[in-house]
Amino acid sequence: MTVLSINILDTIAENKIQQAIERGELDFSEMYGKPLEITEDFSIPVEVRLMLRKLSQAKSTSHEESLLLRFWKARAYRNERKRISK
């Protein structure tokens, strides 16, 4: 893509967003001023996050799966503790 086509796409996107705002489609006033709760650990690859979500939703897991799940949960816990202590 050239710079010109990117600028055109930006302009089109901005126009669409502005039209949606004017129609009231992007009015989330009940969430205004409230912090977003992001619980995903984006340092973990997407494939692993999807697998972990499936594992945590499964009623029973095999021994290997539960070890992997514990590893990633421990990693997330350590990262959270580091973030809080800073």
N, C-alpha and C. Protein backbone atom coordinates (compact mmCIF):
# COMPACT_ATOMS: atom_id res chain seq x y z
N MET A 1 0.83 -1.18 0.00
CA MET A 1 0.00 0.00 0.00
C MET A 1 0.87 1.24 0.00
N THR A 2 0.41 2.20 -0.70
CA THR A 2 1.14 3.46 -0.71
C THR A 2 0.65 4.36 0.41
N VAL A 3 1.37 5.42 0.63
CA VAL A 3 1.00 6.37 1.67
C VAL A 3 -0.36 6.98 1.37
N LEU A 4 -0.61 7.24 0.09
CA LEU A 4 -1.88 7.84 -0.31
C LEU A 4 -3.05 6.93 0.04
N SER A 5 -2.94 5.63 -0.24
CA SER A 5 -4.04 4.72 0.05
C SER A 5 -4.24 4.55 1.55
N ILE A 6 -3.17 4.62 2.34
CA ILE A 6 -3.30 4.54 3.79
C ILE A 6 -4.02 5.77 4.31
N ASN A 7 -3.68 6.95 3.78
CA ASN A 7 -4.36 8.17 4.19
C ASN A 7 -5.84 8.13 3.83
N ILE A 8 -6.17 7.58 2.70
CA ILE A 8 -7.57 7.47 2.29
C ILE A 8 -8.30 6.52 3.23
N LEU A 9 -7.67 5.39 3.57
CA LEU A 9 -8.30 4.46 4.51
C LEU A 9 -8.48 5.08 5.89
N ASP A 10 -7.50 5.87 6.33
CA ASP A 10 -7.63 6.58 7.61
C ASP A 10 -8.80 7.54 7.58
N THR A 11 -8.93 8.26 6.49
CA THR A 11 -10.02 9.23 6.36
C THR A 11 -11.38 8.53 6.35
N ILE A 12 -11.47 7.43 5.63
CA ILE A 12 -12.72 6.68 5.58
C ILE A 12 -13.07 6.14 6.96
N ALA A 13 -12.08 5.60 7.66
CA ALA A 13 -12.32 5.08 9.01
C ALA A 13 -12.77 6.18 9.96
N GLU A 14 -12.11 7.33 9.91
CA GLU A 14 -12.49 8.46 10.76
C GLU A 14 -13.91 8.90 10.47
N ASN A 15 -14.29 8.95 9.19
CA ASN A 15 -15.65 9.34 8.82
C ASN A 15 -16.67 8.35 9.34
N LYS A 16 -16.39 7.07 9.22
CA LYS A 16 -17.30 6.04 9.73
C LYS A 16 -17.47 6.13 11.24
N ILE A 17 -16.37 6.36 11.94
CA ILE A 17 -16.42 6.50 13.40
C ILE A 17 -17.24 7.72 13.79
N GLN A 18 -17.00 8.83 13.10
CA GLN A 18 -17.74 10.06 13.40
C GLN A 18 -19.23 9.88 13.14
N GLN A 19 -19.59 9.20 12.06
CA GLN A 19 -21.01 8.94 11.77
C GLN A 19 -21.64 8.06 12.85
N ALA A 20 -20.91 7.06 13.32
CA ALA A 20 -21.42 6.19 14.37
C ALA A 20 -21.61 6.96 15.67
N ILE A 21 -20.70 7.89 15.97
CA ILE A 21 -20.83 8.72 17.17
C ILE A 21 -22.08 9.59 17.05
N GLU A 22 -22.29 10.17 15.89
CA GLU A 22 -23.45 11.04 15.69
C GLU A 22 -24.76 10.27 15.79
N ARG A 23 -24.76 9.01 15.38
CA ARG A 23 -25.96 8.17 15.49
C ARG A 23 -26.16 7.63 16.90
N GLY A 24 -25.16 7.82 17.76
CA GLY A 24 -25.25 7.35 19.13
C GLY A 24 -24.88 5.89 19.31
N GLU A 25 -24.26 5.30 18.32
CA GLU A 25 -23.89 3.89 18.39
C GLU A 25 -22.67 3.64 19.28
N LEU A 26 -21.90 4.67 19.54
CA LEU A 26 -20.71 4.51 20.37
C LEU A 26 -20.86 5.22 21.71
N ASP A 27 -22.09 5.30 22.20
CA ASP A 27 -22.35 5.96 23.47
C ASP A 27 -22.31 4.91 24.59
N PHE A 28 -21.24 4.91 25.33
CA PHE A 28 -21.08 3.99 26.45
C PHE A 28 -21.00 4.79 27.74
N SER A 29 -21.99 5.66 27.95
CA SER A 29 -21.93 6.58 29.09
C SER A 29 -21.92 5.85 30.44
N GLU A 30 -22.51 4.65 30.50
CA GLU A 30 -22.50 3.92 31.78
C GLU A 30 -21.10 3.46 32.15
N MET A 31 -20.19 3.41 31.20
CA MET A 31 -18.82 2.99 31.48
C MET A 31 -17.87 4.18 31.55
N TYR A 32 -18.36 5.37 31.32
CA TYR A 32 -17.50 6.56 31.29
C TYR A 32 -16.84 6.78 32.65
N GLY A 33 -15.53 6.92 32.64
CA GLY A 33 -14.79 7.20 33.85
C GLY A 33 -14.44 5.98 34.68
N LYS A 34 -14.91 4.81 34.28
CA LYS A 34 -14.62 3.59 35.03
C LYS A 34 -13.41 2.90 34.39
N PRO A 35 -12.52 2.34 35.21
CA PRO A 35 -11.36 1.66 34.62
C PRO A 35 -11.76 0.35 33.94
N LEU A 36 -11.05 0.03 32.89
CA LEU A 36 -11.27 -1.24 32.21
C LEU A 36 -10.60 -2.34 33.01
N GLU A 37 -11.27 -3.47 33.13
CA GLU A 37 -10.67 -4.61 33.80
C GLU A 37 -10.10 -5.55 32.75
N ILE A 38 -8.79 -5.50 32.60
CA ILE A 38 -8.12 -6.36 31.62
C ILE A 38 -7.43 -7.46 32.40
N THR A 39 -7.89 -8.67 32.21
CA THR A 39 -7.34 -9.79 32.97
C THR A 39 -6.43 -10.67 32.11
N GLU A 40 -6.35 -10.37 30.84
CA GLU A 40 -5.50 -11.16 29.96
C GLU A 40 -4.04 -10.82 30.19
N ASP A 41 -3.19 -11.82 30.17
CA ASP A 41 -1.75 -11.62 30.23
C ASP A 41 -1.24 -11.69 28.79
N PHE A 42 -1.02 -10.53 28.19
CA PHE A 42 -0.68 -10.48 26.78
C PHE A 42 0.76 -10.88 26.49
N SER A 43 1.53 -11.17 27.54
CA SER A 43 2.88 -11.68 27.31
C SER A 43 2.85 -13.17 26.97
N ILE A 44 1.71 -13.82 27.22
CA ILE A 44 1.55 -15.24 26.88
C ILE A 44 1.02 -15.31 25.45
N PRO A 45 1.59 -16.17 24.62
CA PRO A 45 1.13 -16.29 23.23
C PRO A 45 -0.36 -16.64 23.17
N VAL A 46 -1.01 -16.17 22.09
CA VAL A 46 -2.45 -16.35 21.93
C VAL A 46 -2.84 -17.83 21.99
N GLU A 47 -2.08 -18.68 21.34
CA GLU A 47 -2.41 -20.11 21.31
C GLU A 47 -2.42 -20.69 22.72
N VAL A 48 -1.44 -20.27 23.52
CA VAL A 48 -1.35 -20.77 24.89
C VAL A 48 -2.51 -20.24 25.72
N ARG A 49 -2.84 -18.95 25.54
CA ARG A 49 -3.98 -18.38 26.29
C ARG A 49 -5.27 -19.11 25.97
N LEU A 50 -5.49 -19.42 24.69
CA LEU A 50 -6.70 -20.16 24.30
C LEU A 50 -6.72 -21.55 24.92
N MET A 51 -5.56 -22.21 24.90
CA MET A 51 -5.47 -23.53 25.49
C MET A 51 -5.72 -23.47 27.00
N LEU A 52 -5.15 -22.47 27.65
CA LEU A 52 -5.35 -22.34 29.09
C LEU A 52 -6.81 -22.07 29.42
N ARG A 53 -7.48 -21.27 28.61
CA ARG A 53 -8.90 -21.00 28.84
C ARG A 53 -9.70 -22.29 28.70
N LYS A 54 -9.38 -23.08 27.68
CA LYS A 54 -10.08 -24.36 27.50
C LYS A 54 -9.79 -25.29 28.66
N LEU A 55 -8.54 -25.32 29.10
CA LEU A 55 -8.19 -26.20 30.22
C LEU A 55 -8.90 -25.78 31.50
N SER A 56 -8.97 -24.49 31.75
CA SER A 56 -9.60 -24.05 32.98
C SER A 56 -11.11 -24.27 32.95
N GLN A 57 -11.70 -24.32 31.77
CA GLN A 57 -13.13 -24.57 31.64
C GLN A 57 -13.46 -26.06 31.65
N ALA A 58 -12.46 -26.90 31.38
CA ALA A 58 -12.69 -28.35 31.34
C ALA A 58 -12.93 -28.88 32.75
N LYS A 59 -13.78 -29.87 32.85
CA LYS A 59 -14.09 -30.44 34.16
C LYS A 59 -12.94 -31.29 34.69
N SER A 60 -12.28 -32.02 33.82
CA SER A 60 -11.15 -32.83 34.25
C SER A 60 -10.01 -32.65 33.26
N THR A 61 -8.82 -32.61 33.79
CA THR A 61 -7.65 -32.45 32.93
C THR A 61 -6.67 -33.58 33.23
N SER A 62 -5.87 -33.87 32.24
CA SER A 62 -4.86 -34.91 32.45
C SER A 62 -3.73 -34.33 33.30
N HIS A 63 -2.84 -35.18 33.75
CA HIS A 63 -1.73 -34.77 34.59
C HIS A 63 -0.86 -33.73 33.88
N GLU A 64 -0.53 -33.95 32.60
CA GLU A 64 0.33 -33.03 31.87
C GLU A 64 -0.34 -31.68 31.70
N GLU A 65 -1.62 -31.68 31.40
CA GLU A 65 -2.33 -30.43 31.21
C GLU A 65 -2.38 -29.63 32.51
N SER A 66 -2.60 -30.32 33.62
CA SER A 66 -2.69 -29.59 34.87
C SER A 66 -1.33 -29.01 35.26
N LEU A 67 -0.23 -29.68 34.92
CA LEU A 67 1.10 -29.12 35.18
C LEU A 67 1.31 -27.85 34.36
N LEU A 68 0.92 -27.88 33.10
CA LEU A 68 1.06 -26.71 32.25
C LEU A 68 0.19 -25.57 32.77
N LEU A 69 -1.01 -25.89 33.16
CA LEU A 69 -1.91 -24.88 33.70
C LEU A 69 -1.34 -24.26 34.96
N ARG A 70 -0.80 -25.07 35.85
CA ARG A 70 -0.20 -24.54 37.08
C ARG A 70 1.01 -23.67 36.78
N PHE A 71 1.82 -24.06 35.79
CA PHE A 71 2.98 -23.27 35.41
C PHE A 71 2.57 -21.87 34.96
N TRP A 72 1.58 -21.79 34.06
CA TRP A 72 1.18 -20.48 33.54
C TRP A 72 0.46 -19.66 34.60
N LYS A 73 -0.29 -20.29 35.49
CA LYS A 73 -0.93 -19.54 36.57
C LYS A 73 0.11 -19.00 37.54
N ALA A 74 1.14 -19.79 37.84
CA ALA A 74 2.21 -19.33 38.71
C ALA A 74 2.95 -18.17 38.06
N ARG A 75 3.17 -18.24 36.77
CA ARG A 75 3.84 -17.16 36.05
C ARG A 75 3.00 -15.89 36.10
N ALA A 76 1.72 -16.02 35.89
CA ALA A 76 0.83 -14.86 35.94
C ALA A 76 0.82 -14.26 37.34
N TYR A 77 0.85 -15.11 38.36
CA TYR A 77 0.87 -14.63 39.74
C TYR A 77 2.15 -13.84 40.01
N ARG A 78 3.29 -14.38 39.58
CA ARG A 78 4.57 -13.69 39.79
C ARG A 78 4.59 -12.34 39.06
N ASN A 79 4.07 -12.31 37.85
CA ASN A 79 4.03 -11.06 37.10
C ASN A 79 3.14 -10.04 37.80
N GLU A 80 2.02 -10.48 38.33
CA GLU A 80 1.11 -9.59 39.05
C GLU A 80 1.78 -9.03 40.30
N ARG A 81 2.49 -9.89 41.03
CA ARG A 81 3.17 -9.45 42.24
C ARG A 81 4.26 -8.41 41.90
N LYS A 82 4.97 -8.63 40.80
CA LYS A 82 6.00 -7.67 40.39
C LYS A 82 5.35 -6.34 40.04
N ARG A 83 4.22 -6.38 39.34
CA ARG A 83 3.53 -5.16 38.94
C ARG A 83 3.04 -4.39 40.15
N ILE A 84 2.53 -5.09 41.16
CA ILE A 84 2.00 -4.44 42.36
C ILE A 84 3.13 -3.82 43.18
N SER A 85 4.27 -4.51 43.24
CA SER A 85 5.37 -4.03 44.09
C SER A 85 6.09 -2.82 43.50
N LYS A 86 5.89 -2.53 42.22
CA LYS A 86 6.57 -1.39 41.59
C LYS A 86 5.95 -0.09 41.97
